[in-house]
Amino acid sequence: MRSHLGRNPLLNSSNTEFPHQRQVYLSKALKQSGDSKKRPVVVVSTDIRNQYSLTVLVIPFSSDISGAANPSRVLIKVGEGGLKANSVAMCDFITNVEKRYLEREPFGEISIDSFKRIQRAIQIAIGVF
């Protein structure tokens, strides 16, 4: 069972687990964005939403880091969150995914600092400065 260190255990009143903010999962194809393969995603929606909704808001990763200079993209180093390669969080591709399309267990969790950079890149992508 996953540790709830740093999280309010009262938010999860049942024994069922749900994806938590900052966790990295492998997701089935994100067809709404034209993607045709499984790829890692980081959950960006709040835990209370994640617990009660059938979907989670996610940011997909790409191992093509050539676009890392884009201000709405965030470079995450290999190993963080369980990523197997340097990857770019594509914050201009925020989307929702049904929880059932996420692999059963998360790869890991990205750091608070990286998550803050992702939140800032989302703000840039949607024009909130």
Protein backbone atom coordinates (compact mmCIF):
# COMPACT_ATOMS: atom_id res chain seq x y z
CA MET A 1 0.00 0.00 0.00
CA ARG A 2 1.23 3.49 -0.90
CA SER A 3 2.45 5.77 1.86
CA HIS A 4 0.35 8.85 2.48
CA LEU A 5 3.26 10.81 3.92
CA GLY A 6 2.63 14.49 3.32
CA ARG A 7 -1.00 13.89 2.32
CA ASN A 8 -4.19 14.12 4.33
CA PRO A 9 -5.28 10.49 4.93
CA LEU A 10 -8.81 11.71 5.70
CA LEU A 11 -9.25 12.58 2.01
CA ASN A 12 -9.20 8.87 1.25
CA SER A 13 -11.96 7.51 3.44
CA SER A 14 -12.15 4.17 1.62
CA ASN A 15 -9.47 1.52 1.14
CA THR A 16 -9.40 2.04 -2.63
CA GLU A 17 -6.38 3.79 -4.05
CA PHE A 18 -6.52 6.51 -6.67
CA PRO A 19 -3.89 8.41 -8.64
CA HIS A 20 -2.26 11.23 -6.68
CA GLN A 21 -1.00 14.58 -7.87
CA ARG A 22 2.69 14.42 -8.97
CA GLN A 23 2.60 10.65 -9.64
CA VAL A 24 3.89 9.38 -12.98
CA TYR A 25 1.95 6.63 -14.76
CA LEU A 26 2.11 4.90 -18.10
CA SER A 27 -1.06 5.82 -19.99
CA LYS A 28 -2.73 4.17 -22.94
CA ALA A 29 -2.76 6.21 -26.16
CA LEU A 30 -4.00 9.78 -25.75
CA LYS A 31 -6.09 9.67 -28.92
CA GLN A 32 -7.69 13.06 -28.34
CA SER A 33 -4.23 14.63 -28.85
CA GLY A 34 -3.44 12.44 -31.87
CA ASP A 35 -1.10 10.16 -29.93
CA SER A 36 -0.92 6.53 -30.96
CA LYS A 37 1.34 5.00 -28.31
CA LYS A 38 1.54 4.51 -24.57
CA ARG A 39 3.52 7.22 -22.85
CA PRO A 40 4.31 8.39 -19.33
CA VAL A 41 2.10 11.12 -17.89
CA VAL A 42 2.18 13.09 -14.65
CA VAL A 43 -1.05 13.66 -12.74
CA VAL A 44 -1.64 17.39 -12.20
CA SER A 45 -5.22 17.43 -10.87
CA THR A 46 -5.82 17.71 -7.12
CA ASP A 47 -6.13 14.58 -4.99
CA ILE A 48 -9.69 15.38 -3.91
CA ARG A 49 -10.72 15.57 -7.60
CA ASN A 50 -8.75 12.42 -8.38
CA GLN A 51 -10.52 10.48 -5.66
CA TYR A 52 -14.07 11.26 -6.80
CA SER A 53 -13.78 11.71 -10.58
CA LEU A 54 -13.53 9.00 -13.21
CA THR A 55 -10.79 11.04 -14.88
CA VAL A 56 -7.53 12.73 -13.91
CA LEU A 57 -5.85 15.72 -15.52
CA VAL A 58 -2.42 14.78 -16.86
CA ILE A 59 0.58 16.21 -18.67
CA PRO A 60 2.22 13.80 -21.13
CA PHE A 61 5.98 13.34 -21.36
CA SER A 62 8.10 13.00 -24.48
CA SER A 63 11.64 11.66 -24.68
CA ASP A 64 12.23 14.02 -27.64
CA ILE A 65 13.81 16.83 -25.65
CA SER A 66 14.50 19.05 -28.67
CA GLY A 67 11.55 21.26 -27.66
CA ALA A 68 12.83 21.81 -24.11
CA ALA A 69 13.47 25.53 -24.81
CA ASN A 70 9.72 26.09 -25.25
CA PRO A 71 8.49 27.93 -22.10
CA SER A 72 5.46 25.63 -21.90
CA ARG A 73 7.71 22.54 -21.71
CA VAL A 74 9.67 21.36 -18.66
CA LEU A 75 12.74 19.13 -18.78
CA ILE A 76 12.66 16.32 -16.22
CA LYS A 77 15.89 14.37 -15.75
CA VAL A 78 16.14 10.60 -16.10
CA GLY A 79 15.21 8.75 -12.91
CA GLU A 80 12.90 11.40 -11.48
CA GLY A 81 9.40 10.01 -11.15
CA GLY A 82 10.71 6.70 -12.49
CA LEU A 83 11.35 8.09 -15.97
CA LYS A 84 13.76 5.95 -17.99
CA ALA A 85 15.10 8.85 -20.10
CA ASN A 86 15.44 12.61 -19.94
CA SER A 87 11.93 13.77 -20.82
CA VAL A 88 9.96 16.90 -21.52
CA ALA A 89 6.66 17.51 -19.75
CA MET A 90 4.47 18.91 -22.55
CA CYS A 91 2.42 21.35 -20.49
CA ASP A 92 0.72 22.72 -23.60
CA PHE A 93 -0.92 19.28 -24.02
CA ILE A 94 -2.80 19.08 -20.71
CA THR A 95 -5.62 16.58 -21.04
CA ASN A 96 -7.93 14.38 -19.03
CA VAL A 97 -7.63 10.61 -19.00
CA GLU A 98 -9.98 8.04 -17.57
CA LYS A 99 -8.29 6.43 -14.57
CA ARG A 100 -8.85 3.00 -16.10
CA TYR A 101 -6.39 3.92 -18.89
CA LEU A 102 -3.53 4.33 -16.42
CA GLU A 103 -1.29 1.37 -15.65
CA ARG A 104 -2.06 -0.11 -12.23
CA GLU A 105 0.94 1.25 -10.31
CA PRO A 106 2.74 4.56 -10.68
CA PHE A 107 6.40 4.63 -11.78
CA GLY A 108 7.13 7.15 -9.08
CA GLU A 109 6.52 10.75 -8.13
CA ILE A 110 8.16 13.93 -9.38
CA SER A 111 9.64 16.41 -6.92
CA ILE A 112 7.75 19.40 -5.56
CA ASP A 113 10.23 21.70 -7.33
CA SER A 114 9.63 20.02 -10.70
CA PHE A 115 5.89 20.11 -10.11
CA LYS A 116 6.03 23.87 -9.43
CA ARG A 117 7.88 24.32 -12.74
CA ILE A 118 5.16 22.27 -14.48
CA GLN A 119 2.42 24.39 -12.87
CA ARG A 120 4.19 27.54 -14.08
CA ALA A 121 4.53 26.12 -17.62
CA ILE A 122 0.78 25.33 -17.63
CA GLN A 123 0.10 28.96 -16.69
CA ILE A 124 2.31 30.11 -19.57
CA ALA A 125 0.55 27.72 -21.97
CA ILE A 126 -2.89 29.12 -21.08
CA GLY A 127 -1.81 32.76 -20.85
CA VAL A 128 -1.95 33.26 -17.09
CA PHE A 129 1.16 35.16 -16.01
